[in-house]
PDB file of N, CA and C in Angstrom:
ATOM      1  N   UNK A   1     -14.696  11.476  -0.090  1.00  0.00           N
ATOM      2  CA  UNK A   1     -13.737  11.604   1.000  1.00  0.00           C
ATOM      3  C   UNK A   1     -12.625  12.544   0.560  1.00  0.00           C
ATOM      4  N   UNK A   2     -12.239  13.422   1.443  1.00  0.00           N
ATOM      5  CA  UNK A   2     -11.158  14.361   1.166  1.00  0.00           C
ATOM      6  C   UNK A   2      -9.833  13.680   1.486  1.00  0.00           C
ATOM      7  N   UNK A   3      -8.913  13.696   0.539  1.00  0.00           N
ATOM      8  CA  UNK A   3      -7.604  13.073   0.717  1.00  0.00           C
ATOM      9  C   UNK A   3      -6.639  14.146   1.225  1.00  0.00           C
ATOM     10  N   UNK A   4      -6.636  14.347   2.535  1.00  0.00           N
ATOM     11  CA  UNK A   4      -5.855  15.439   3.098  1.00  0.00           C
ATOM     12  C   UNK A   4      -4.951  15.027   4.263  1.00  0.00           C
ATOM     13  N   UNK A   5      -4.665  13.738   4.390  1.00  0.00           N
ATOM     14  CA  UNK A   5      -3.836  13.269   5.506  1.00  0.00           C
ATOM     15  C   UNK A   5      -2.347  13.438   5.238  1.00  0.00           C
ATOM     16  N   UNK A   6      -1.958  13.589   3.984  1.00  0.00           N
ATOM     17  CA  UNK A   6      -0.556  13.741   3.630  1.00  0.00           C
ATOM     18  C   UNK A   6      -0.289  13.181   2.246  1.00  0.00           C
ATOM     19  N   UNK A   7       0.979  13.137   1.901  1.00  0.00           N
ATOM     20  CA  UNK A   7       1.400  12.591   0.609  1.00  0.00           C
ATOM     21  C   UNK A   7       2.114  11.280   0.862  1.00  0.00           C
ATOM     22  N   UNK A   8       1.825  10.285   0.021  1.00  0.00           N
ATOM     23  CA  UNK A   8       2.525   9.002   0.111  1.00  0.00           C
ATOM     24  C   UNK A   8       3.096   8.635  -1.239  1.00  0.00           C
ATOM     25  N   UNK A   9       4.041   7.699  -1.204  1.00  0.00           N
ATOM     26  CA  UNK A   9       4.649   7.174  -2.413  1.00  0.00           C
ATOM     27  C   UNK A   9       4.558   5.660  -2.360  1.00  0.00           C
ATOM     28  N   UNK A  10       4.128   5.049  -3.476  1.00  0.00           N
ATOM     29  CA  UNK A  10       4.020   3.587  -3.577  1.00  0.00           C
ATOM     30  C   UNK A  10       5.125   3.102  -4.501  1.00  0.00           C
ATOM     31  N   UNK A  11       5.849   2.078  -4.039  1.00  0.00           N
ATOM     32  CA  UNK A  11       6.927   1.481  -4.815  1.00  0.00           C
ATOM     33  C   UNK A  11       6.640   0.007  -5.080  1.00  0.00           C
ATOM     34  N   UNK A  12       7.032  -0.465  -6.245  1.00  0.00           N
ATOM     35  CA  UNK A  12       7.020  -1.886  -6.564  1.00  0.00           C
ATOM     36  C   UNK A  12       8.466  -2.359  -6.635  1.00  0.00           C
ATOM     37  N   UNK A  13       8.640  -3.664  -6.785  1.00  0.00           N
ATOM     38  CA  UNK A  13       9.995  -4.218  -6.903  1.00  0.00           C
ATOM     39  C   UNK A  13      10.145  -4.884  -8.255  1.00  0.00           C
ATOM     40  N   UNK A  14      11.251  -4.598  -8.936  1.00  0.00           N
ATOM     41  CA  UNK A  14      11.532  -5.183 -10.239  1.00  0.00           C
ATOM     42  C   UNK A  14      12.820  -5.979 -10.133  1.00  0.00           C
ATOM     43  N   UNK A  15      12.815  -7.209 -10.666  1.00  0.00           N
ATOM     44  CA  UNK A  15      14.007  -8.061 -10.669  1.00  0.00           C
ATOM     45  C   UNK A  15      14.943  -7.570 -11.775  1.00  0.00           C
ATOM     46  N   UNK A  16      16.140  -7.117 -11.380  1.00  0.00           N
ATOM     47  CA  UNK A  16      17.108  -6.593 -12.343  1.00  0.00           C
ATOM     48  C   UNK A  16      18.311  -7.523 -12.513  1.00  0.00           C
ATOM     49  N   UNK A  17      18.207  -8.754 -12.013  1.00  0.00           N
ATOM     50  CA  UNK A  17      19.320  -9.701 -12.125  1.00  0.00           C
ATOM     51  C   UNK A  17      19.385 -10.253 -13.542  1.00  0.00           C
ATOM     52  N   UNK A  18      20.552 -10.667 -13.926  1.00  0.00           N
ATOM     53  CA  UNK A  18      20.738 -11.283 -15.235  1.00  0.00           C
ATOM     54  C   UNK A  18      20.241 -12.719 -15.218  1.00  0.00           C
ATOM     55  N   UNK A  19      20.111 -13.314 -16.376  1.00  0.00           N
ATOM     56  CA  UNK A  19      19.656 -14.694 -16.485  1.00  0.00           C
ATOM     57  C   UNK A  19      20.543 -15.650 -15.708  1.00  0.00           C
ATOM     58  N   UNK A  20      19.944 -16.493 -14.882  1.00  0.00           N
ATOM     59  CA  UNK A  20      20.677 -17.491 -14.114  1.00  0.00           C
ATOM     60  C   UNK A  20      21.293 -16.974 -12.832  1.00  0.00           C
ATOM     61  N   UNK A  21      21.186 -15.695 -12.556  1.00  0.00           N
ATOM     62  CA  UNK A  21      21.752 -15.122 -11.334  1.00  0.00           C
ATOM     63  C   UNK A  21      20.712 -15.088 -10.224  1.00  0.00           C
ATOM     64  N   UNK A  22      21.193 -14.909  -8.992  1.00  0.00           N
ATOM     65  CA  UNK A  22      20.292 -14.740  -7.863  1.00  0.00           C
ATOM     66  C   UNK A  22      19.465 -13.477  -8.088  1.00  0.00           C
ATOM     67  N   UNK A  23      18.210 -13.482  -7.639  1.00  0.00           N
ATOM     68  CA  UNK A  23      17.382 -12.291  -7.824  1.00  0.00           C
ATOM     69  C   UNK A  23      17.977 -11.066  -7.131  1.00  0.00           C
ATOM     70  N   UNK A  24      17.933  -9.952  -7.827  1.00  0.00           N
ATOM     71  CA  UNK A  24      18.332  -8.656  -7.277  1.00  0.00           C
ATOM     72  C   UNK A  24      17.212  -7.692  -7.627  1.00  0.00           C
ATOM     73  N   UNK A  25      16.684  -7.014  -6.620  1.00  0.00           N
ATOM     74  CA  UNK A  25      15.507  -6.175  -6.830  1.00  0.00           C
ATOM     75  C   UNK A  25      15.845  -4.697  -6.747  1.00  0.00           C
ATOM     76  N   UNK A  26      15.121  -3.920  -7.530  1.00  0.00           N
ATOM     77  CA  UNK A  26      15.229  -2.471  -7.524  1.00  0.00           C
ATOM     78  C   UNK A  26      13.832  -1.905  -7.302  1.00  0.00           C
ATOM     79  N   UNK A  27      13.745  -0.864  -6.498  1.00  0.00           N
ATOM     80  CA  UNK A  27      12.451  -0.223  -6.237  1.00  0.00           C
ATOM     81  C   UNK A  27      12.079   0.690  -7.396  1.00  0.00           C
ATOM     82  N   UNK A  28      10.793   0.636  -7.798  1.00  0.00           N
ATOM     83  CA  UNK A  28      10.279   1.460  -8.894  1.00  0.00           C
ATOM     84  C   UNK A  28       9.034   2.183  -8.397  1.00  0.00           C
ATOM     85  N   UNK A  29       9.012   3.504  -8.569  1.00  0.00           N
ATOM     86  CA  UNK A  29       7.866   4.302  -8.110  1.00  0.00           C
ATOM     87  C   UNK A  29       6.661   4.031  -9.012  1.00  0.00           C
ATOM     88  N   UNK A  30       5.512   3.675  -8.365  1.00  0.00           N
ATOM     89  CA  UNK A  30       4.275   3.401  -9.086  1.00  0.00           C
ATOM     90  C   UNK A  30       3.239   4.511  -8.923  1.00  0.00           C
ATOM     91  N   UNK A  31       3.271   5.184  -7.785  1.00  0.00           N
ATOM     92  CA  UNK A  31       2.246   6.191  -7.493  1.00  0.00           C
ATOM     93  C   UNK A  31       2.772   7.165  -6.461  1.00  0.00           C
ATOM     94  N   UNK A  32       2.364   8.419  -6.607  1.00  0.00           N
ATOM     95  CA  UNK A  32       2.667   9.421  -5.585  1.00  0.00           C
ATOM     96  C   UNK A  32       1.507  10.405  -5.570  1.00  0.00           C
ATOM     97  N   UNK A  33       0.991  10.692  -4.395  1.00  0.00           N
ATOM     98  CA  UNK A  33      -0.118  11.633  -4.305  1.00  0.00           C
ATOM     99  C   UNK A  33      -0.689  11.697  -2.902  1.00  0.00           C
ATOM    100  N   UNK A  34      -1.758  12.462  -2.776  1.00  0.00           N
ATOM    101  CA  UNK A  34      -2.424  12.658  -1.495  1.00  0.00           C
ATOM    102  C   UNK A  34      -3.177  11.404  -1.084  1.00  0.00           C
ATOM    103  N   UNK A  35      -3.295  11.196   0.226  1.00  0.00           N
ATOM    104  CA  UNK A  35      -4.053  10.068   0.759  1.00  0.00           C
ATOM    105  C   UNK A  35      -4.924  10.530   1.907  1.00  0.00           C
ATOM    106  N   UNK A  36      -5.939   9.721   2.195  1.00  0.00           N
ATOM    107  CA  UNK A  36      -6.800   9.930   3.352  1.00  0.00           C
ATOM    108  C   UNK A  36      -6.798   8.679   4.198  1.00  0.00           C
ATOM    109  N   UNK A  37      -6.747   8.832   5.511  1.00  0.00           N
ATOM    110  CA  UNK A  37      -6.765   7.674   6.407  1.00  0.00           C
ATOM    111  C   UNK A  37      -8.183   7.137   6.530  1.00  0.00           C
ATOM    112  N   UNK A  38      -8.298   5.807   6.540  1.00  0.00           N
ATOM    113  CA  UNK A  38      -9.578   5.125   6.702  1.00  0.00           C
ATOM    114  C   UNK A  38      -9.624   4.460   8.076  1.00  0.00           C
ATOM    115  N   UNK A  39     -10.817   4.307   8.624  1.00  0.00           N
ATOM    116  CA  UNK A  39     -10.993   3.602   9.894  1.00  0.00           C
ATOM    117  C   UNK A  39     -10.856   2.099   9.658  1.00  0.00           C
ATOM    118  N   UNK A  40     -10.406   1.371  10.680  1.00  0.00           N
ATOM    119  CA  UNK A  40     -10.297  -0.087  10.577  1.00  0.00           C
ATOM    120  C   UNK A  40     -10.299  -0.700  11.959  1.00  0.00           C
ATOM    121  N   UNK A  41     -10.611  -2.002  12.005  1.00  0.00           N
ATOM    122  CA  UNK A  41     -10.560  -2.757  13.255  1.00  0.00           C
ATOM    123  C   UNK A  41      -9.283  -3.576  13.277  1.00  0.00           C
ATOM    124  N   UNK A  42      -8.758  -3.812  14.465  1.00  0.00           N
ATOM    125  CA  UNK A  42      -7.544  -4.614  14.568  1.00  0.00           C
ATOM    126  C   UNK A  42      -7.836  -6.070  14.876  1.00  0.00           C
ATOM    127  N   UNK A  43      -9.068  -6.390  15.226  1.00  0.00           N
ATOM    128  CA  UNK A  43      -9.432  -7.778  15.519  1.00  0.00           C
ATOM    129  C   UNK A  43     -10.831  -8.045  14.971  1.00  0.00           C
ATOM    130  N   UNK A  44     -11.072  -9.236  14.422  1.00  0.00           N
ATOM    131  CA  UNK A  44     -12.401  -9.529  13.901  1.00  0.00           C
ATOM    132  C   UNK A  44     -13.424  -9.665  15.027  1.00  0.00           C
ATOM    133  N   UNK A  45     -14.647  -9.310  14.733  1.00  0.00           N
ATOM    134  CA  UNK A  45     -15.717  -9.421  15.723  1.00  0.00           C
ATOM    135  C   UNK A  45     -16.093 -10.883  15.933  1.00  0.00           C
ATOM    136  N   UNK A  46     -16.161 -11.645  14.850  1.00  0.00           N
ATOM    137  CA  UNK A  46     -16.543 -13.056  14.908  1.00  0.00           C
ATOM    138  C   UNK A  46     -15.452 -13.918  14.288  1.00  0.00           C
ATOM    139  N   UNK A  47     -14.453 -14.356  15.077  1.00  0.00           N
ATOM    140  CA  UNK A  47     -13.415 -15.213  14.513  1.00  0.00           C
ATOM    141  C   UNK A  47     -14.004 -16.537  14.028  1.00  0.00           C
ATOM    142  N   UNK A  48     -13.491 -17.046  12.934  1.00  0.00           N
ATOM    143  CA  UNK A  48     -13.971 -18.309  12.379  1.00  0.00           C
ATOM    144  C   UNK A  48     -12.802 -19.258  12.163  1.00  0.00           C
ATOM    145  N   UNK A  49     -13.122 -20.528  11.927  1.00  0.00           N
ATOM    146  CA  UNK A  49     -12.079 -21.504  11.642  1.00  0.00           C
ATOM    147  C   UNK A  49     -11.434 -21.179  10.295  1.00  0.00           C
ATOM    148  N   UNK A  50     -10.182 -21.572  10.155  1.00  0.00           N
ATOM    149  CA  UNK A  50      -9.422 -21.428   8.918  1.00  0.00           C
ATOM    150  C   UNK A  50      -9.325 -19.987   8.443  1.00  0.00           C
ATOM    151  N   UNK A  51      -9.398 -19.081   9.369  1.00  0.00           N
ATOM    152  CA  UNK A  51      -9.277 -17.657   9.044  1.00  0.00           C
ATOM    153  C   UNK A  51      -7.800 -17.302   9.011  1.00  0.00           C
ATOM    154  N   UNK A  52      -7.388 -16.567   8.009  1.00  0.00           N
ATOM    155  CA  UNK A  52      -6.006 -16.130   7.919  1.00  0.00           C
ATOM    156  C   UNK A  52      -5.875 -14.793   8.636  1.00  0.00           C
ATOM    157  N   UNK A  53      -5.058 -14.755   9.695  1.00  0.00           N
ATOM    158  CA  UNK A  53      -4.839 -13.510  10.413  1.00  0.00           C
ATOM    159  C   UNK A  53      -3.821 -12.662   9.656  1.00  0.00           C
ATOM    160  N   UNK A  54      -4.188 -11.446   9.351  1.00  0.00           N
ATOM    161  CA  UNK A  54      -3.283 -10.518   8.690  1.00  0.00           C
ATOM    162  C   UNK A  54      -3.241  -9.246   9.523  1.00  0.00           C
ATOM    163  N   UNK A  55      -2.055  -8.860   9.914  1.00  0.00           N
ATOM    164  CA  UNK A  55      -1.882  -7.650  10.713  1.00  0.00           C
ATOM    165  C   UNK A  55      -2.184  -6.428   9.846  1.00  0.00           C
ATOM    166  N   UNK A  56      -2.911  -5.486  10.395  1.00  0.00           N
ATOM    167  CA  UNK A  56      -3.187  -4.233   9.704  1.00  0.00           C
ATOM    168  C   UNK A  56      -2.629  -3.089  10.538  1.00  0.00           C
ATOM    169  N   UNK A  57      -1.746  -2.292   9.915  1.00  0.00           N
ATOM    170  CA  UNK A  57      -1.159  -1.147  10.604  1.00  0.00           C
ATOM    171  C   UNK A  57      -1.857   0.150  10.227  1.00  0.00           C
ATOM    172  N   UNK A  58      -2.409   0.193   9.011  1.00  0.00           N
ATOM    173  CA  UNK A  58      -3.010   1.419   8.510  1.00  0.00           C
ATOM    174  C   UNK A  58      -3.851   1.091   7.283  1.00  0.00           C
ATOM    175  N   UNK A  59      -4.936   1.841   7.084  1.00  0.00           N
ATOM    176  CA  UNK A  59      -5.725   1.761   5.851  1.00  0.00           C
ATOM    177  C   UNK A  59      -5.821   3.165   5.287  1.00  0.00           C
ATOM    178  N   UNK A  60      -5.584   3.290   3.987  1.00  0.00           N
ATOM    179  CA  UNK A  60      -5.615   4.596   3.344  1.00  0.00           C
ATOM    180  C   UNK A  60      -6.374   4.527   2.027  1.00  0.00           C
ATOM    181  N   UNK A  61      -6.828   5.691   1.572  1.00  0.00           N
ATOM    182  CA  UNK A  61      -7.492   5.811   0.270  1.00  0.00           C
ATOM    183  C   UNK A  61      -6.693   6.783  -0.583  1.00  0.00           C
ATOM    184  N   UNK A  62      -6.495   6.396  -1.856  1.00  0.00           N
ATOM    185  CA  UNK A  62      -5.808   7.245  -2.823  1.00  0.00           C
ATOM    186  C   UNK A  62      -6.664   7.328  -4.079  1.00  0.00           C
ATOM    187  N   UNK A  63      -6.288   8.233  -4.986  1.00  0.00           N
ATOM    188  CA  UNK A  63      -6.951   8.255  -6.280  1.00  0.00           C
ATOM    189  C   UNK A  63      -6.654   6.930  -6.982  1.00  0.00           C
ATOM    190  N   UNK A  64      -7.584   6.447  -7.773  1.00  0.00           N
ATOM    191  CA  UNK A  64      -7.462   5.112  -8.359  1.00  0.00           C
ATOM    192  C   UNK A  64      -6.182   4.971  -9.175  1.00  0.00           C
ATOM    193  N   UNK A  65      -5.478   3.860  -8.893  1.00  0.00           N
ATOM    194  CA  UNK A  65      -4.288   3.487  -9.642  1.00  0.00           C
ATOM    195  C   UNK A  65      -4.247   1.960  -9.675  1.00  0.00           C
ATOM    196  N   UNK A  66      -4.666   1.383 -10.789  1.00  0.00           N
ATOM    197  CA  UNK A  66      -4.734  -0.074 -10.919  1.00  0.00           C
ATOM    198  C   UNK A  66      -3.368  -0.745 -10.921  1.00  0.00           C
ATOM    199  N   UNK A  67      -2.294   0.022 -11.065  1.00  0.00           N
ATOM    200  CA  UNK A  67      -0.947  -0.552 -11.051  1.00  0.00           C
ATOM    201  C   UNK A  67      -0.513  -0.941  -9.644  1.00  0.00           C
ATOM    202  N   UNK A  68      -1.148  -0.391  -8.622  1.00  0.00           N
ATOM    203  CA  UNK A  68      -0.802  -0.701  -7.227  1.00  0.00           C
ATOM    204  C   UNK A  68      -1.410  -2.050  -6.871  1.00  0.00           C
ATOM    205  N   UNK A  69      -0.573  -2.980  -6.401  1.00  0.00           N
ATOM    206  CA  UNK A  69      -1.012  -4.343  -6.104  1.00  0.00           C
ATOM    207  C   UNK A  69      -0.439  -4.817  -4.771  1.00  0.00           C
ATOM    208  N   UNK A  70      -0.856  -6.013  -4.363  1.00  0.00           N
ATOM    209  CA  UNK A  70      -0.310  -6.625  -3.154  1.00  0.00           C
ATOM    210  C   UNK A  70       1.202  -6.730  -3.273  1.00  0.00           C
ATOM    211  N   UNK A  71       1.860  -6.623  -2.135  1.00  0.00           N
ATOM    212  CA  UNK A  71       3.311  -6.747  -1.982  1.00  0.00           C
ATOM    213  C   UNK A  71       4.087  -5.521  -2.450  1.00  0.00           C
ATOM    214  N   UNK A  72       3.411  -4.497  -2.999  1.00  0.00           N
ATOM    215  CA  UNK A  72       4.074  -3.212  -3.181  1.00  0.00           C
ATOM    216  C   UNK A  72       4.284  -2.634  -1.794  1.00  0.00           C
ATOM    217  N   UNK A  73       5.099  -1.588  -1.675  1.00  0.00           N
ATOM    218  CA  UNK A  73       5.257  -0.972  -0.363  1.00  0.00           C
ATOM    219  C   UNK A  73       5.095   0.531  -0.446  1.00  0.00           C
ATOM    220  N   UNK A  74       4.693   1.108   0.685  1.00  0.00           N
ATOM    221  CA  UNK A  74       4.321   2.512   0.778  1.00  0.00           C
ATOM    222  C   UNK A  74       5.245   3.220   1.760  1.00  0.00           C
ATOM    223  N   UNK A  75       5.607   4.447   1.415  1.00  0.00           N
ATOM    224  CA  UNK A  75       6.323   5.342   2.318  1.00  0.00           C
ATOM    225  C   UNK A  75       5.451   6.577   2.466  1.00  0.00           C
ATOM    226  N   UNK A  76       5.221   7.008   3.694  1.00  0.00           N
ATOM    227  CA  UNK A  76       4.305   8.111   3.955  1.00  0.00           C
ATOM    228  C   UNK A  76       4.996   9.476   3.829  1.00  0.00           C
ATOM    229  N   UNK A  77       5.548   9.720   2.657  1.00  0.00           N
ATOM    230  CA  UNK A  77       6.140  11.016   2.328  1.00  0.00           C
ATOM    231  C   UNK A  77       6.384  11.054   0.821  1.00  0.00           C
ATOM    232  N   UNK A  78       6.691  12.226   0.325  1.00  0.00           N
ATOM    233  CA  UNK A  78       7.041  12.383  -1.080  1.00  0.00           C
ATOM    234  C   UNK A  78       8.478  11.890  -1.250  1.00  0.00           C
ATOM    235  N   UNK A  79       8.706  10.935  -2.150  1.00  0.00           N
ATOM    236  CA  UNK A  79      10.037  10.361  -2.303  1.00  0.00           C
ATOM    237  C   UNK A  79      10.255   9.868  -3.734  1.00  0.00           C
ATOM    238  N   UNK A  80      11.489  10.013  -4.216  1.00  0.00           N
ATOM    239  CA  UNK A  80      11.841   9.433  -5.508  1.00  0.00           C
ATOM    240  C   UNK A  80      12.373   8.024  -5.325  1.00  0.00           C
ATOM    241  N   UNK A  81      13.049   7.792  -4.213  1.00  0.00           N
ATOM    242  CA  UNK A  81      13.566   6.471  -3.858  1.00  0.00           C
ATOM    243  C   UNK A  81      13.456   6.311  -2.346  1.00  0.00           C
ATOM    244  N   UNK A  82      13.222   5.071  -1.862  1.00  0.00           N
ATOM    245  CA  UNK A  82      13.192   4.863  -0.412  1.00  0.00           C
ATOM    246  C   UNK A  82      14.586   5.076   0.187  1.00  0.00           C
ATOM    247  N   UNK A  83      14.598   5.547   1.425  1.00  0.00           N
ATOM    248  CA  UNK A  83      15.861   5.785   2.126  1.00  0.00           C
ATOM    249  C   UNK A  83      15.895   4.973   3.405  1.00  0.00           C
ATOM    250  N   UNK A  84      17.100   4.750   3.930  1.00  0.00           N
ATOM    251  CA  UNK A  84      17.231   4.086   5.223  1.00  0.00           C
ATOM    252  C   UNK A  84      16.498   4.908   6.270  1.00  0.00           C
ATOM    253  N   UNK A  85      15.794   4.237   7.156  1.00  0.00           N
ATOM    254  CA  UNK A  85      15.060   4.927   8.201  1.00  0.00           C
ATOM    255  C   UNK A  85      13.612   5.228   7.840  1.00  0.00           C
ATOM    256  N   UNK A  86      13.231   5.053   6.571  1.00  0.00           N
ATOM    257  CA  UNK A  86      11.832   5.261   6.184  1.00  0.00           C
ATOM    258  C   UNK A  86      10.960   4.162   6.779  1.00  0.00           C
ATOM    259  N   UNK A  87       9.782   4.545   7.257  1.00  0.00           N
ATOM    260  CA  UNK A  87       8.792   3.566   7.716  1.00  0.00           C
ATOM    261  C   UNK A  87       8.153   2.958   6.471  1.00  0.00           C
ATOM    262  N   UNK A  88       8.307   1.629   6.312  1.00  0.00           N
ATOM    263  CA  UNK A  88       7.758   0.945   5.142  1.00  0.00           C
ATOM    264  C   UNK A  88       6.506   0.175   5.518  1.00  0.00           C
ATOM    265  N   UNK A  89       5.504   0.293   4.677  1.00  0.00           N
ATOM    266  CA  UNK A  89       4.232  -0.385   4.879  1.00  0.00           C
ATOM    267  C   UNK A  89       3.938  -1.203   3.626  1.00  0.00           C
ATOM    268  N   UNK A  90       3.769  -2.510   3.801  1.00  0.00           N
ATOM    269  CA  UNK A  90       3.482  -3.397   2.671  1.00  0.00           C
ATOM    270  C   UNK A  90       1.981  -3.415   2.386  1.00  0.00           C
ATOM    271  N   UNK A  91       1.633  -3.413   1.106  1.00  0.00           N
ATOM    272  CA  UNK A  91       0.230  -3.507   0.711  1.00  0.00           C
ATOM    273  C   UNK A  91      -0.197  -4.966   0.856  1.00  0.00           C
ATOM    274  N   UNK A  92      -1.160  -5.229   1.744  1.00  0.00           N
ATOM    275  CA  UNK A  92      -1.684  -6.589   1.905  1.00  0.00           C
ATOM    276  C   UNK A  92      -2.991  -6.758   1.139  1.00  0.00           C
ATOM    277  N   UNK A  93      -3.636  -5.637   0.795  1.00  0.00           N
ATOM    278  CA  UNK A  93      -4.878  -5.696   0.014  1.00  0.00           C
ATOM    279  C   UNK A  93      -5.059  -4.360  -0.695  1.00  0.00           C
ATOM    280  N   UNK A  94      -5.368  -4.417  -1.981  1.00  0.00           N
ATOM    281  CA  UNK A  94      -5.667  -3.208  -2.750  1.00  0.00           C
ATOM    282  C   UNK A  94      -7.053  -3.371  -3.356  1.00  0.00           C
ATOM    283  N   UNK A  95      -7.954  -2.464  -3.015  1.00  0.00           N
ATOM    284  CA  UNK A  95      -9.310  -2.478  -3.568  1.00  0.00           C
ATOM    285  C   UNK A  95      -9.432  -1.320  -4.550  1.00  0.00           C
ATOM    286  N   UNK A  96      -9.750  -1.620  -5.801  1.00  0.00           N
ATOM    287  CA  UNK A  96      -9.924  -0.604  -6.829  1.00  0.00           C
ATOM    288  C   UNK A  96     -11.409  -0.516  -7.148  1.00  0.00           C
ATOM    289  N   UNK A  97     -11.993   0.655  -6.959  1.00  0.00           N
ATOM    290  CA  UNK A  97     -13.431   0.805  -7.189  1.00  0.00           C
ATOM    291  C   UNK A  97     -13.841   2.261  -7.210  1.00  0.00           C
ATOM    292  N   UNK A  98     -15.086   2.507  -6.806  1.00  0.00           N
ATOM    293  CA  UNK A  98     -15.600   3.870  -6.772  1.00  0.00           C
ATOM    294  C   UNK A  98     -16.099   4.190  -5.365  1.00  0.00           C
ATOM    295  N   UNK A  99     -15.998   5.448  -4.997  1.00  0.00           N
ATOM    296  CA  UNK A  99     -16.503   5.923  -3.715  1.00  0.00           C
ATOM    297  C   UNK A  99     -18.027   5.942  -3.783  1.00  0.00           C
ATOM    298  N   UNK A 100     -18.689   5.336  -2.789  1.00  0.00           N
ATOM    299  CA  UNK A 100     -20.151   5.253  -2.785  1.00  0.00           C
ATOM    300  C   UNK A 100     -20.823   6.617  -2.718  1.00  0.00           C
ATOM    301  N   UNK A 101     -20.214   7.568  -2.046  1.00  0.00           N
ATOM    302  CA  UNK A 101     -20.832   8.878  -1.868  1.00  0.00           C
ATOM    303  C   UNK A 101     -20.589   9.824  -3.042  1.00  0.00           C
ATOM    304  N   UNK A 102     -19.328   9.906  -3.499  1.00  0.00           N
ATOM    305  CA  UNK A 102     -18.992  10.884  -4.533  1.00  0.00           C
ATOM    306  C   UNK A 102     -18.943  10.288  -5.940  1.00  0.00           C
ATOM    307  N   UNK A 103     -18.798   8.974  -6.040  1.00  0.00           N
ATOM    308  CA  UNK A 103     -18.673   8.334  -7.342  1.00  0.00           C
ATOM    309  C   UNK A 103     -17.280   8.420  -7.935  1.00  0.00           C
ATOM    310  N   UNK A 104     -16.307   8.966  -7.177  1.00  0.00           N
ATOM    311  CA  UNK A 104     -14.937   9.091  -7.668  1.00  0.00           C
ATOM    312  C   UNK A 104     -14.255   7.731  -7.716  1.00  0.00           C
ATOM    313  N   UNK A 105     -13.342   7.584  -8.670  1.00  0.00           N
ATOM    314  CA  UNK A 105     -12.531   6.373  -8.784  1.00  0.00           C
ATOM    315  C   UNK A 105     -11.489   6.387  -7.670  1.00  0.00           C
ATOM    316  N   UNK A 106     -11.433   5.307  -6.867  1.00  0.00           N
ATOM    317  CA  UNK A 106     -10.529   5.264  -5.716  1.00  0.00           C
ATOM    318  C   UNK A 106      -9.803   3.924  -5.641  1.00  0.00           C
ATOM    319  N   UNK A 107      -8.715   3.911  -4.892  1.00  0.00           N
ATOM    320  CA  UNK A 107      -8.016   2.689  -4.506  1.00  0.00           C
ATOM    321  C   UNK A 107      -7.850   2.739  -2.996  1.00  0.00           C
ATOM    322  N   UNK A 108      -8.368   1.729  -2.297  1.00  0.00           N
ATOM    323  CA  UNK A 108      -8.194   1.605  -0.849  1.00  0.00           C
ATOM    324  C   UNK A 108      -7.088   0.598  -0.594  1.00  0.00           C
ATOM    325  N   UNK A 109      -6.120   0.977   0.227  1.00  0.00           N
ATOM    326  CA  UNK A 109      -4.976   0.118   0.527  1.00  0.00           C
ATOM    327  C   UNK A 109      -4.992  -0.292   1.995  1.00  0.00           C
ATOM    328  N   UNK A 110      -4.851  -1.588   2.241  1.00  0.00           N
ATOM    329  CA  UNK A 110      -4.662  -2.108   3.596  1.00  0.00           C
ATOM    330  C   UNK A 110      -3.162  -2.361   3.723  1.00  0.00           C
ATOM    331  N   UNK A 111      -2.555  -1.805   4.777  1.00  0.00           N
ATOM    332  CA  UNK A 111      -1.102  -1.823   4.917  1.00  0.00           C
ATOM    333  C   UNK A 111      -0.674  -2.449   6.230  1.00  0.00           C
ATOM    334  N   UNK A 112       0.494  -3.083   6.201  1.00  0.00           N
ATOM    335  CA  UNK A 112       1.104  -3.574   7.443  1.00  0.00           C
ATOM    336  C   UNK A 112       2.548  -3.156   7.446  1.00  0.00           C
ATOM    337  N   UNK A 113       3.040  -2.781   8.620  1.00  0.00           N
ATOM    338  CA  UNK A 113       4.416  -2.299   8.741  1.00  0.00           C
ATOM    339  C   UNK A 113       5.396  -3.452   8.588  1.00  0.00           C
ATOM    340  N   UNK A 114       6.449  -3.217   7.821  1.00  0.00           N
ATOM    341  CA  UNK A 114       7.501  -4.211   7.604  1.00  0.00           C
ATOM    342  C   UNK A 114       8.850  -3.548   7.820  1.00  0.00           C
ATOM    343  N   UNK A 115       9.853  -4.378   8.046  1.00  0.00           N
ATOM    344  CA  UNK A 115      11.215  -3.852   8.183  1.00  0.00           C
ATOM    345  C   UNK A 115      11.821  -3.687   6.816  1.00  0.00           C
ATOM    346  N   UNK A 116      12.644  -2.650   6.673  1.00  0.00           N
ATOM    347  CA  UNK A 116      13.266  -2.337   5.379  1.00  0.00           C
ATOM    348  C   UNK A 116      14.257  -3.382   4.958  1.00  0.00           C
TER     349      UNK A 116
END
């Protein structure tokens, strides 16, 4: 798959509070590079009991980066730090594997839009 949809930046959160203090988080850049949009469905074909509904806003593929995990967030532009007004997408699922066609190492991210 050609990763030509644009550049994205993935951020994680690090607790920078001192011992015994309320948590205070700082954004840390984990990945930046080209991405490709993947197709997805917004509703399951066969709903089942005890199924957890998770909203999906976008699915993308990036070059493999095992550091990207659930609860990281994505901004669809090149950025050193997130800014007010950026559209933030939380990673709800990260699949690290290989592309079936090319054999390239890839990471597929399932994202949902969240408020900053």
